[in-house]
Amino acid sequence: MTVPEIRTTLYTFVLERFPAARSHGLTETDSLIEHGIIDSLGVLEIVSFIEERFGITLADDELVADHFDSLPALAELVHSKLACSDPCNI
């Protein structure tokens, strides 16, 4: 799956799940945190979605604001996890 495909999947999820994203007119490059689209509970919802939808596990050290600030950052994280071989998931 390509980064743009992952970003589109995440964008669709965020728009559907978070009303603030719709009312803000969220673009694919807006800051999710800075614009108040997600908070700590929102991060957990996104983590659950990513793990279920993409079949990956995010490690505790990957749950940092930089990864959850924007859809491009999230898409890069997911893409790197998908591209990683099994030893990377240790």
PDB file of N, CA and C in Angstrom:
ATOM      1  N   MET A   1       0.856  -1.171   0.000  1.00  0.00           N
ATOM      2  CA  MET A   1       0.000   0.000   0.000  1.00  0.00           C
ATOM      3  C   MET A   1       0.904   1.236   0.000  1.00  0.00           C
ATOM      4  N   THR A   2       0.555   2.214  -0.808  1.00  0.00           N
ATOM      5  CA  THR A   2       1.377   3.411  -0.919  1.00  0.00           C
ATOM      6  C   THR A   2       1.050   4.420   0.184  1.00  0.00           C
ATOM      7  N   VAL A   3       1.966   5.346   0.387  1.00  0.00           N
ATOM      8  CA  VAL A   3       1.741   6.386   1.391  1.00  0.00           C
ATOM      9  C   VAL A   3       0.480   7.195   1.068  1.00  0.00           C
ATOM     10  N   PRO A   4       0.268   7.622  -0.199  1.00  0.00           N
ATOM     11  CA  PRO A   4      -0.970   8.358  -0.486  1.00  0.00           C
ATOM     12  C   PRO A   4      -2.243   7.547  -0.206  1.00  0.00           C
ATOM     13  N   GLU A   5      -2.213   6.245  -0.470  1.00  0.00           N
ATOM     14  CA  GLU A   5      -3.381   5.399  -0.175  1.00  0.00           C
ATOM     15  C   GLU A   5      -3.623   5.313   1.328  1.00  0.00           C
ATOM     16  N   ILE A   6      -2.561   5.172   2.079  1.00  0.00           N
ATOM     17  CA  ILE A   6      -2.682   5.120   3.539  1.00  0.00           C
ATOM     18  C   ILE A   6      -3.215   6.448   4.063  1.00  0.00           C
ATOM     19  N   ARG A   7      -2.675   7.561   3.549  1.00  0.00           N
ATOM     20  CA  ARG A   7      -3.110   8.891   3.985  1.00  0.00           C
ATOM     21  C   ARG A   7      -4.596   9.091   3.690  1.00  0.00           C
ATOM     22  N   THR A   8      -5.066   8.648   2.525  1.00  0.00           N
ATOM     23  CA  THR A   8      -6.480   8.777   2.169  1.00  0.00           C
ATOM     24  C   THR A   8      -7.347   7.947   3.106  1.00  0.00           C
ATOM     25  N   THR A   9      -6.909   6.744   3.442  1.00  0.00           N
ATOM     26  CA  THR A   9      -7.648   5.884   4.373  1.00  0.00           C
ATOM     27  C   THR A   9      -7.755   6.552   5.744  1.00  0.00           C
ATOM     28  N   LEU A  10      -6.640   7.099   6.215  1.00  0.00           N
ATOM     29  CA  LEU A  10      -6.640   7.781   7.508  1.00  0.00           C
ATOM     30  C   LEU A  10      -7.501   9.038   7.477  1.00  0.00           C
ATOM     31  N   TYR A  11      -7.421   9.797   6.405  1.00  0.00           N
ATOM     32  CA  TYR A  11      -8.213  11.022   6.250  1.00  0.00           C
ATOM     33  C   TYR A  11      -9.711  10.699   6.319  1.00  0.00           C
ATOM     34  N   THR A  12     -10.112   9.663   5.608  1.00  0.00           N
ATOM     35  CA  THR A  12     -11.520   9.258   5.613  1.00  0.00           C
ATOM     36  C   THR A  12     -11.957   8.860   7.017  1.00  0.00           C
ATOM     37  N   PHE A  13     -11.130   8.095   7.733  1.00  0.00           N
ATOM     38  CA  PHE A  13     -11.456   7.691   9.093  1.00  0.00           C
ATOM     39  C   PHE A  13     -11.596   8.903  10.006  1.00  0.00           C
ATOM     40  N   VAL A  14     -10.644   9.817   9.940  1.00  0.00           N
ATOM     41  CA  VAL A  14     -10.671  11.001  10.810  1.00  0.00           C
ATOM     42  C   VAL A  14     -11.914  11.845  10.522  1.00  0.00           C
ATOM     43  N   LEU A  15     -12.236  12.030   9.262  1.00  0.00           N
ATOM     44  CA  LEU A  15     -13.434  12.812   8.924  1.00  0.00           C
ATOM     45  C   LEU A  15     -14.704  12.147   9.440  1.00  0.00           C
ATOM     46  N   GLU A  16     -14.770  10.829   9.333  1.00  0.00           N
ATOM     47  CA  GLU A  16     -15.957  10.106   9.778  1.00  0.00           C
ATOM     48  C   GLU A  16     -16.070  10.058  11.302  1.00  0.00           C
ATOM     49  N   ARG A  17     -14.961   9.930  11.981  1.00  0.00           N
ATOM     50  CA  ARG A  17     -14.969   9.683  13.421  1.00  0.00           C
ATOM     51  C   ARG A  17     -14.931  10.939  14.285  1.00  0.00           C
ATOM     52  N   PHE A  18     -14.329  12.011  13.787  1.00  0.00           N
ATOM     53  CA  PHE A  18     -14.121  13.200  14.601  1.00  0.00           C
ATOM     54  C   PHE A  18     -14.877  14.400  14.017  1.00  0.00           C
ATOM     55  N   PRO A  19     -15.989  14.784  14.646  1.00  0.00           N
ATOM     56  CA  PRO A  19     -16.799  15.899  14.139  1.00  0.00           C
ATOM     57  C   PRO A  19     -15.995  17.195  13.978  1.00  0.00           C
ATOM     58  N   ALA A  20     -15.017  17.430  14.834  1.00  0.00           N
ATOM     59  CA  ALA A  20     -14.209  18.645  14.734  1.00  0.00           C
ATOM     60  C   ALA A  20     -13.457  18.711  13.407  1.00  0.00           C
ATOM     61  N   ALA A  21     -13.125  17.560  12.849  1.00  0.00           N
ATOM     62  CA  ALA A  21     -12.433  17.524  11.560  1.00  0.00           C
ATOM     63  C   ALA A  21     -13.335  18.062  10.461  1.00  0.00           C
ATOM     64  N   ARG A  22     -14.596  17.684  10.520  1.00  0.00           N
ATOM     65  CA  ARG A  22     -15.554  18.166   9.516  1.00  0.00           C
ATOM     66  C   ARG A  22     -15.838  19.651   9.702  1.00  0.00           C
ATOM     67  N   SER A  23     -16.062  20.077  10.931  1.00  0.00           N
ATOM     68  CA  SER A  23     -16.400  21.483  11.168  1.00  0.00           C
ATOM     69  C   SER A  23     -15.211  22.396  10.886  1.00  0.00           C
ATOM     70  N   HIS A  24     -14.015  21.886  11.068  1.00  0.00           N
ATOM     71  CA  HIS A  24     -12.808  22.673  10.786  1.00  0.00           C
ATOM     72  C   HIS A  24     -12.512  22.739   9.292  1.00  0.00           C
ATOM     73  N   GLY A  25     -13.037  21.780   8.530  1.00  0.00           N
ATOM     74  CA  GLY A  25     -12.691  21.707   7.112  1.00  0.00           C
ATOM     75  C   GLY A  25     -11.288  21.156   6.945  1.00  0.00           C
ATOM     76  N   LEU A  26     -10.988  20.116   7.708  1.00  0.00           N
ATOM     77  CA  LEU A  26      -9.660  19.512   7.746  1.00  0.00           C
ATOM     78  C   LEU A  26      -9.147  19.175   6.353  1.00  0.00           C
ATOM     79  N   THR A  27      -7.904  19.565   6.103  1.00  0.00           N
ATOM     80  CA  THR A  27      -7.222  19.125   4.884  1.00  0.00           C
ATOM     81  C   THR A  27      -6.262  18.018   5.275  1.00  0.00           C
ATOM     82  N   GLU A  28      -5.702  17.346   4.298  1.00  0.00           N
ATOM     83  CA  GLU A  28      -4.821  16.223   4.579  1.00  0.00           C
ATOM     84  C   GLU A  28      -3.506  16.642   5.221  1.00  0.00           C
ATOM     85  N   THR A  29      -3.203  17.921   5.232  1.00  0.00           N
ATOM     86  CA  THR A  29      -1.921  18.360   5.804  1.00  0.00           C
ATOM     87  C   THR A  29      -2.070  19.161   7.095  1.00  0.00           C
ATOM     88  N   ASP A  30      -3.286  19.417   7.541  1.00  0.00           N
ATOM     89  CA  ASP A  30      -3.500  20.164   8.784  1.00  0.00           C
ATOM     90  C   ASP A  30      -3.007  19.393  10.003  1.00  0.00           C
ATOM     91  N   SER A  31      -2.628  20.133  11.021  1.00  0.00           N
ATOM     92  CA  SER A  31      -2.220  19.533  12.283  1.00  0.00           C
ATOM     93  C   SER A  31      -3.461  19.053  13.036  1.00  0.00           C
ATOM     94  N   LEU A  32      -3.498  17.778  13.338  1.00  0.00           N
ATOM     95  CA  LEU A  32      -4.632  17.213  14.071  1.00  0.00           C
ATOM     96  C   LEU A  32      -4.653  17.697  15.511  1.00  0.00           C
ATOM     97  N   ILE A  33      -3.479  17.869  16.083  1.00  0.00           N
ATOM     98  CA  ILE A  33      -3.373  18.276  17.484  1.00  0.00           C
ATOM     99  C   ILE A  33      -3.565  19.782  17.616  1.00  0.00           C
ATOM    100  N   GLU A  34      -2.861  20.549  16.808  1.00  0.00           N
ATOM    101  CA  GLU A  34      -2.919  22.010  16.886  1.00  0.00           C
ATOM    102  C   GLU A  34      -4.324  22.549  16.642  1.00  0.00           C
ATOM    103  N   HIS A  35      -5.074  21.900  15.749  1.00  0.00           N
ATOM    104  CA  HIS A  35      -6.425  22.353  15.433  1.00  0.00           C
ATOM    105  C   HIS A  35      -7.485  21.736  16.341  1.00  0.00           C
ATOM    106  N   GLY A  36      -7.046  20.973  17.344  1.00  0.00           N
ATOM    107  CA  GLY A  36      -7.984  20.403  18.302  1.00  0.00           C
ATOM    108  C   GLY A  36      -8.855  19.298  17.734  1.00  0.00           C
ATOM    109  N   ILE A  37      -8.397  18.661  16.674  1.00  0.00           N
ATOM    110  CA  ILE A  37      -9.170  17.580  16.058  1.00  0.00           C
ATOM    111  C   ILE A  37      -9.125  16.342  16.951  1.00  0.00           C
ATOM    112  N   ILE A  38      -7.934  16.051  17.493  1.00  0.00           N
ATOM    113  CA  ILE A  38      -7.795  14.901  18.379  1.00  0.00           C
ATOM    114  C   ILE A  38      -7.143  15.313  19.696  1.00  0.00           C
ATOM    115  N   ASP A  39      -7.459  14.535  20.733  1.00  0.00           N
ATOM    116  CA  ASP A  39      -6.817  14.674  22.038  1.00  0.00           C
ATOM    117  C   ASP A  39      -6.253  13.300  22.377  1.00  0.00           C
ATOM    118  N   SER A  40      -5.931  13.057  23.616  1.00  0.00           N
ATOM    119  CA  SER A  40      -5.318  11.772  23.976  1.00  0.00           C
ATOM    120  C   SER A  40      -6.253  10.595  23.689  1.00  0.00           C
ATOM    121  N   LEU A  41      -7.538  10.772  23.895  1.00  0.00           N
ATOM    122  CA  LEU A  41      -8.482   9.702  23.568  1.00  0.00           C
ATOM    123  C   LEU A  41      -8.578   9.498  22.067  1.00  0.00           C
ATOM    124  N   GLY A  42      -8.483  10.581  21.330  1.00  0.00           N
ATOM    125  CA  GLY A  42      -8.487  10.493  19.871  1.00  0.00           C
ATOM    126  C   GLY A  42      -7.288   9.726  19.354  1.00  0.00           C
ATOM    127  N   VAL A  43      -6.141   9.936  19.988  1.00  0.00           N
ATOM    128  CA  VAL A  43      -4.939   9.185  19.610  1.00  0.00           C
ATOM    129  C   VAL A  43      -5.193   7.693  19.796  1.00  0.00           C
ATOM    130  N   LEU A  44      -5.814   7.328  20.916  1.00  0.00           N
ATOM    131  CA  LEU A  44      -6.104   5.911  21.164  1.00  0.00           C
ATOM    132  C   LEU A  44      -7.066   5.332  20.123  1.00  0.00           C
ATOM    133  N   GLU A  45      -8.044   6.122  19.716  1.00  0.00           N
ATOM    134  CA  GLU A  45      -8.974   5.667  18.674  1.00  0.00           C
ATOM    135  C   GLU A  45      -8.246   5.446  17.356  1.00  0.00           C
ATOM    136  N   ILE A  46      -7.356   6.354  17.032  1.00  0.00           N
ATOM    137  CA  ILE A  46      -6.596   6.226  15.788  1.00  0.00           C
ATOM    138  C   ILE A  46      -5.662   5.020  15.861  1.00  0.00           C
ATOM    139  N   VAL A  47      -5.033   4.810  16.996  1.00  0.00           N
ATOM    140  CA  VAL A  47      -4.154   3.643  17.166  1.00  0.00           C
ATOM    141  C   VAL A  47      -4.952   2.362  16.955  1.00  0.00           C
ATOM    142  N   SER A  48      -6.114   2.267  17.571  1.00  0.00           N
ATOM    143  CA  SER A  48      -6.963   1.074  17.413  1.00  0.00           C
ATOM    144  C   SER A  48      -7.327   0.858  15.957  1.00  0.00           C
ATOM    145  N   PHE A  49      -7.708   1.936  15.278  1.00  0.00           N
ATOM    146  CA  PHE A  49      -8.066   1.838  13.867  1.00  0.00           C
ATOM    147  C   PHE A  49      -6.872   1.362  13.036  1.00  0.00           C
ATOM    148  N   ILE A  50      -5.717   1.969  13.244  1.00  0.00           N
ATOM    149  CA  ILE A  50      -4.521   1.612  12.476  1.00  0.00           C
ATOM    150  C   ILE A  50      -4.162   0.145  12.698  1.00  0.00           C
ATOM    151  N   GLU A  51      -4.162  -0.275  13.946  1.00  0.00           N
ATOM    152  CA  GLU A  51      -3.772  -1.652  14.242  1.00  0.00           C
ATOM    153  C   GLU A  51      -4.748  -2.651  13.624  1.00  0.00           C
ATOM    154  N   GLU A  52      -6.034  -2.338  13.677  1.00  0.00           N
ATOM    155  CA  GLU A  52      -7.038  -3.237  13.105  1.00  0.00           C
ATOM    156  C   GLU A  52      -7.025  -3.189  11.579  1.00  0.00           C
ATOM    157  N   ARG A  53      -7.031  -2.006  11.020  1.00  0.00           N
ATOM    158  CA  ARG A  53      -7.139  -1.854   9.562  1.00  0.00           C
ATOM    159  C   ARG A  53      -5.900  -2.327   8.817  1.00  0.00           C
ATOM    160  N   PHE A  54      -4.723  -2.036   9.367  1.00  0.00           N
ATOM    161  CA  PHE A  54      -3.485  -2.343   8.666  1.00  0.00           C
ATOM    162  C   PHE A  54      -2.772  -3.573   9.216  1.00  0.00           C
ATOM    163  N   GLY A  55      -3.274  -4.145  10.299  1.00  0.00           N
ATOM    164  CA  GLY A  55      -2.698  -5.358  10.842  1.00  0.00           C
ATOM    165  C   GLY A  55      -1.292  -5.185  11.390  1.00  0.00           C
ATOM    166  N   ILE A  56      -1.040  -4.024  11.965  1.00  0.00           N
ATOM    167  CA  ILE A  56       0.269  -3.753  12.563  1.00  0.00           C
ATOM    168  C   ILE A  56       0.084  -3.409  14.030  1.00  0.00           C
ATOM    169  N   THR A  57       1.170  -3.427  14.764  1.00  0.00           N
ATOM    170  CA  THR A  57       1.148  -3.035  16.168  1.00  0.00           C
ATOM    171  C   THR A  57       2.080  -1.847  16.346  1.00  0.00           C
ATOM    172  N   LEU A  58       1.576  -0.810  16.972  1.00  0.00           N
ATOM    173  CA  LEU A  58       2.398   0.360  17.255  1.00  0.00           C
ATOM    174  C   LEU A  58       2.998   0.202  18.647  1.00  0.00           C
ATOM    175  N   ALA A  59       4.297   0.365  18.729  1.00  0.00           N
ATOM    176  CA  ALA A  59       4.998   0.261  20.005  1.00  0.00           C
ATOM    177  C   ALA A  59       4.778   1.531  20.826  1.00  0.00           C
ATOM    178  N   ASP A  60       4.935   1.412  22.123  1.00  0.00           N
ATOM    179  CA  ASP A  60       4.755   2.562  23.015  1.00  0.00           C
ATOM    180  C   ASP A  60       5.623   3.747  22.606  1.00  0.00           C
ATOM    181  N   ASP A  61       6.850   3.476  22.181  1.00  0.00           N
ATOM    182  CA  ASP A  61       7.751   4.576  21.814  1.00  0.00           C
ATOM    183  C   ASP A  61       7.382   5.230  20.491  1.00  0.00           C
ATOM    184  N   GLU A  62       6.408   4.670  19.773  1.00  0.00           N
ATOM    185  CA  GLU A  62       5.922   5.276  18.534  1.00  0.00           C
ATOM    186  C   GLU A  62       4.709   6.176  18.778  1.00  0.00           C
ATOM    187  N   LEU A  63       4.183   6.154  19.988  1.00  0.00           N
ATOM    188  CA  LEU A  63       2.999   6.945  20.323  1.00  0.00           C
ATOM    189  C   LEU A  63       3.429   8.329  20.813  1.00  0.00           C
ATOM    190  N   VAL A  64       4.024   9.077  19.913  1.00  0.00           N
ATOM    191  CA  VAL A  64       4.521  10.414  20.223  1.00  0.00           C
ATOM    192  C   VAL A  64       3.783  11.442  19.370  1.00  0.00           C
ATOM    193  N   ALA A  65       3.746  12.665  19.855  1.00  0.00           N
ATOM    194  CA  ALA A  65       2.997  13.727  19.183  1.00  0.00           C
ATOM    195  C   ALA A  65       3.435  13.929  17.732  1.00  0.00           C
ATOM    196  N   ASP A  66       4.717  13.799  17.457  1.00  0.00           N
ATOM    197  CA  ASP A  66       5.197  13.995  16.081  1.00  0.00           C
ATOM    198  C   ASP A  66       4.509  13.053  15.095  1.00  0.00           C
ATOM    199  N   HIS A  67       4.255  11.821  15.504  1.00  0.00           N
ATOM    200  CA  HIS A  67       3.606  10.859  14.612  1.00  0.00           C
ATOM    201  C   HIS A  67       2.118  11.135  14.434  1.00  0.00           C
ATOM    202  N   PHE A  68       1.503  11.752  15.426  1.00  0.00           N
ATOM    203  CA  PHE A  68       0.061  11.970  15.386  1.00  0.00           C
ATOM    204  C   PHE A  68      -0.330  13.412  15.074  1.00  0.00           C
ATOM    205  N   ASP A  69       0.639  14.224  14.740  1.00  0.00           N
ATOM    206  CA  ASP A  69       0.348  15.628  14.462  1.00  0.00           C
ATOM    207  C   ASP A  69      -0.389  15.825  13.146  1.00  0.00           C
ATOM    208  N   SER A  70      -0.063  15.033  12.138  1.00  0.00           N
ATOM    209  CA  SER A  70      -0.701  15.219  10.831  1.00  0.00           C
ATOM    210  C   SER A  70      -0.910  13.873  10.148  1.00  0.00           C
ATOM    211  N   LEU A  71      -1.776  13.882   9.156  1.00  0.00           N
ATOM    212  CA  LEU A  71      -2.026  12.662   8.403  1.00  0.00           C
ATOM    213  C   LEU A  71      -0.797  12.203   7.619  1.00  0.00           C
ATOM    214  N   PRO A  72      -0.024  13.113   7.020  1.00  0.00           N
ATOM    215  CA  PRO A  72       1.201  12.653   6.355  1.00  0.00           C
ATOM    216  C   PRO A  72       2.169  11.954   7.318  1.00  0.00           C
ATOM    217  N   ALA A  73       2.312  12.479   8.530  1.00  0.00           N
ATOM    218  CA  ALA A  73       3.201  11.852   9.513  1.00  0.00           C
ATOM    219  C   ALA A  73       2.677  10.471   9.899  1.00  0.00           C
ATOM    220  N   LEU A  74       1.380  10.367  10.112  1.00  0.00           N
ATOM    221  CA  LEU A  74       0.784   9.066  10.440  1.00  0.00           C
ATOM    222  C   LEU A  74       0.943   8.079   9.300  1.00  0.00           C
ATOM    223  N   ALA A  75       0.715   8.556   8.084  1.00  0.00           N
ATOM    224  CA  ALA A  75       0.831   7.680   6.916  1.00  0.00           C
ATOM    225  C   ALA A  75       2.251   7.166   6.751  1.00  0.00           C
ATOM    226  N   GLU A  76       3.219   8.015   7.006  1.00  0.00           N
ATOM    227  CA  GLU A  76       4.627   7.578   6.927  1.00  0.00           C
ATOM    228  C   GLU A  76       4.922   6.520   7.982  1.00  0.00           C
ATOM    229  N   LEU A  77       4.401   6.714   9.188  1.00  0.00           N
ATOM    230  CA  LEU A  77       4.595   5.741  10.255  1.00  0.00           C
ATOM    231  C   LEU A  77       3.993   4.397   9.860  1.00  0.00           C
ATOM    232  N   VAL A  78       2.751   4.410   9.397  1.00  0.00           N
ATOM    233  CA  VAL A  78       2.083   3.166   9.001  1.00  0.00           C
ATOM    234  C   VAL A  78       2.848   2.510   7.854  1.00  0.00           C
ATOM    235  N   HIS A  79       3.233   3.295   6.863  1.00  0.00           N
ATOM    236  CA  HIS A  79       3.965   2.747   5.715  1.00  0.00           C
ATOM    237  C   HIS A  79       5.269   2.104   6.160  1.00  0.00           C
ATOM    238  N   SER A  80       5.985   2.745   7.072  1.00  0.00           N
ATOM    239  CA  SER A  80       7.256   2.173   7.539  1.00  0.00           C
ATOM    240  C   SER A  80       7.022   0.863   8.273  1.00  0.00           C
ATOM    241  N   LYS A  81       5.923   0.779   9.022  1.00  0.00           N
ATOM    242  CA  LYS A  81       5.609  -0.454   9.742  1.00  0.00           C
ATOM    243  C   LYS A  81       5.202  -1.564   8.765  1.00  0.00           C
ATOM    244  N   LEU A  82       4.459  -1.204   7.718  1.00  0.00           N
ATOM    245  CA  LEU A  82       4.045  -2.192   6.730  1.00  0.00           C
ATOM    246  C   LEU A  82       5.233  -2.696   5.921  1.00  0.00           C
ATOM    247  N   ALA A  83       6.184  -1.814   5.649  1.00  0.00           N
ATOM    248  CA  ALA A  83       7.347  -2.169   4.843  1.00  0.00           C
ATOM    249  C   ALA A  83       8.391  -2.923   5.641  1.00  0.00           C
ATOM    250  N   CYS A  84       8.283  -2.859   6.941  1.00  0.00           N
ATOM    251  CA  CYS A  84       9.268  -3.469   7.830  1.00  0.00           C
ATOM    252  C   CYS A  84       9.090  -4.988   7.848  1.00  0.00           C
ATOM    253  N   SER A  85      10.172  -5.700   7.856  1.00  0.00           N
ATOM    254  CA  SER A  85      10.089  -7.155   7.954  1.00  0.00           C
ATOM    255  C   SER A  85       9.803  -7.566   9.405  1.00  0.00           C
ATOM    256  N   ASP A  86       9.504  -8.824   9.624  1.00  0.00           N
ATOM    257  CA  ASP A  86       9.153  -9.321  10.957  1.00  0.00           C
ATOM    258  C   ASP A  86      10.140  -8.937  12.045  1.00  0.00           C
ATOM    259  N   PRO A  87      11.465  -8.969  11.807  1.00  0.00           N
ATOM    260  CA  PRO A  87      12.387  -8.575  12.882  1.00  0.00           C
ATOM    261  C   PRO A  87      12.186  -7.142  13.351  1.00  0.00           C
ATOM    262  N   CYS A  88      11.612  -6.278  12.511  1.00  0.00           N
ATOM    263  CA  CYS A  88      11.369  -4.884  12.897  1.00  0.00           C
ATOM    264  C   CYS A  88      10.283  -4.775  13.950  1.00  0.00           C
ATOM    265  N   ASN A  89       9.433  -5.758  14.048  1.00  0.00           N
ATOM    266  CA  ASN A  89       8.305  -5.698  14.976  1.00  0.00           C
ATOM    267  C   ASN A  89       8.636  -6.222  16.370  1.00  0.00           C
ATOM    268  N   ILE A  90       9.888  -6.436  16.626  1.00  0.00           N
ATOM    269  CA  ILE A  90      10.311  -6.950  17.939  1.00  0.00           C
ATOM    270  C   ILE A  90      10.124  -5.876  18.998  1.00  0.00           C
TER     271      ILE A  90
END
